[in-house]
Amino acid sequence: MNNFKLIFRILKYIEACMEYESFDDDNFTASHFGVSKALFLNILRTLLEAGYISGIKIVTDKC
């Protein structure tokens, strides 16, 4: 999958969740977007650093 398409899908998902009081984090997963966990986390980290998203914390753990 093209990373720009993935970025668009992530941002679109976040935008859709803004209509509700709580964020639907059950479906905000790599598997929901059909990509590896590593790619999903790297894209999220890039979006955070670029200032496109805020309010989330990426926790990486060896376990």
C-alpha atoms as a PDB file:
ATOM      1  CA  MET A   1       0.000   0.000   0.000  1.00  0.00           C
ATOM      2  CA  ASN A   2       1.185   3.471  -0.803  1.00  0.00           C
ATOM      3  CA  ASN A   3       2.155   5.317   2.392  1.00  0.00           C
ATOM      4  CA  PHE A   4       0.267   8.426   1.288  1.00  0.00           C
ATOM      5  CA  LYS A   5      -2.916   6.378   0.972  1.00  0.00           C
ATOM      6  CA  LEU A   6      -2.331   4.968   4.442  1.00  0.00           C
ATOM      7  CA  ILE A   7      -1.750   8.445   5.861  1.00  0.00           C
ATOM      8  CA  PHE A   8      -4.974   9.650   4.235  1.00  0.00           C
ATOM      9  CA  ARG A   9      -6.915   6.685   5.650  1.00  0.00           C
ATOM     10  CA  ILE A  10      -5.533   7.308   9.152  1.00  0.00           C
ATOM     11  CA  LEU A  11      -6.346  11.020   9.032  1.00  0.00           C
ATOM     12  CA  LYS A  12      -9.799  10.279   7.618  1.00  0.00           C
ATOM     13  CA  TYR A  13     -10.439   7.816  10.458  1.00  0.00           C
ATOM     14  CA  ILE A  14      -9.389  10.394  13.053  1.00  0.00           C
ATOM     15  CA  GLU A  15     -11.616  13.005  11.405  1.00  0.00           C
ATOM     16  CA  ALA A  16     -14.603  10.638  11.476  1.00  0.00           C
ATOM     17  CA  CYS A  17     -14.021   9.978  15.185  1.00  0.00           C
ATOM     18  CA  MET A  18     -14.100  13.705  15.923  1.00  0.00           C
ATOM     19  CA  GLU A  19     -17.877  13.636  15.556  1.00  0.00           C
ATOM     20  CA  TYR A  20     -18.175  11.553  18.730  1.00  0.00           C
ATOM     21  CA  GLU A  21     -17.298  12.249  22.351  1.00  0.00           C
ATOM     22  CA  SER A  22     -14.887   9.344  22.632  1.00  0.00           C
ATOM     23  CA  PHE A  23     -12.288   8.037  20.196  1.00  0.00           C
ATOM     24  CA  ASP A  24     -12.899   4.529  18.840  1.00  0.00           C
ATOM     25  CA  ASP A  25      -9.474   3.095  19.605  1.00  0.00           C
ATOM     26  CA  ASP A  26     -10.689  -0.507  19.241  1.00  0.00           C
ATOM     27  CA  ASN A  27     -10.390  -0.191  15.459  1.00  0.00           C
ATOM     28  CA  PHE A  28      -7.401   2.147  15.421  1.00  0.00           C
ATOM     29  CA  THR A  29      -4.940  -0.685  14.873  1.00  0.00           C
ATOM     30  CA  ALA A  30      -2.485  -1.799  12.233  1.00  0.00           C
ATOM     31  CA  SER A  31      -4.643  -4.803  11.384  1.00  0.00           C
ATOM     32  CA  HIS A  32      -7.678  -2.570  10.814  1.00  0.00           C
ATOM     33  CA  PHE A  33      -5.682  -0.645   8.201  1.00  0.00           C
ATOM     34  CA  GLY A  34      -4.187  -3.834   6.759  1.00  0.00           C
ATOM     35  CA  VAL A  35      -0.529  -3.007   7.444  1.00  0.00           C
ATOM     36  CA  SER A  36       2.214  -4.222   9.744  1.00  0.00           C
ATOM     37  CA  LYS A  37       2.420  -2.886  13.273  1.00  0.00           C
ATOM     38  CA  ALA A  38       5.886  -1.452  12.557  1.00  0.00           C
ATOM     39  CA  LEU A  39       4.678   0.523   9.529  1.00  0.00           C
ATOM     40  CA  PHE A  40       1.595   1.749  11.395  1.00  0.00           C
ATOM     41  CA  LEU A  41       3.677   2.996  14.340  1.00  0.00           C
ATOM     42  CA  ASN A  42       6.236   4.644  12.057  1.00  0.00           C
ATOM     43  CA  ILE A  43       3.507   6.472  10.138  1.00  0.00           C
ATOM     44  CA  LEU A  44       1.908   7.617  13.407  1.00  0.00           C
ATOM     45  CA  ARG A  45       5.285   8.802  14.688  1.00  0.00           C
ATOM     46  CA  THR A  46       5.859  10.736  11.452  1.00  0.00           C
ATOM     47  CA  LEU A  47       2.417  12.356  11.681  1.00  0.00           C
ATOM     48  CA  LEU A  48       3.073  13.326  15.307  1.00  0.00           C
ATOM     49  CA  GLU A  49       6.482  14.839  14.558  1.00  0.00           C
ATOM     50  CA  ALA A  50       5.117  16.750  11.563  1.00  0.00           C
ATOM     51  CA  GLY A  51       2.327  18.204  13.714  1.00  0.00           C
ATOM     52  CA  TYR A  52      -0.544  16.629  11.772  1.00  0.00           C
ATOM     53  CA  ILE A  53      -1.870  14.839  14.847  1.00  0.00           C
ATOM     54  CA  SER A  54      -1.569  15.341  18.591  1.00  0.00           C
ATOM     55  CA  GLY A  55      -2.894  13.892  21.789  1.00  0.00           C
ATOM     56  CA  ILE A  56      -1.560  10.393  21.361  1.00  0.00           C
ATOM     57  CA  LYS A  57       1.446   8.720  22.872  1.00  0.00           C
ATOM     58  CA  ILE A  58       3.304   5.953  21.122  1.00  0.00           C
ATOM     59  CA  VAL A  59       4.575   3.375  23.587  1.00  0.00           C
ATOM     60  CA  THR A  60       7.056   0.837  22.330  1.00  0.00           C
ATOM     61  CA  ASP A  61       7.903  -2.142  24.461  1.00  0.00           C
ATOM     62  CA  LYS A  62      10.207  -5.092  23.925  1.00  0.00           C
ATOM     63  CA  CYS A  63       7.445  -7.416  25.114  1.00  0.00           C
END
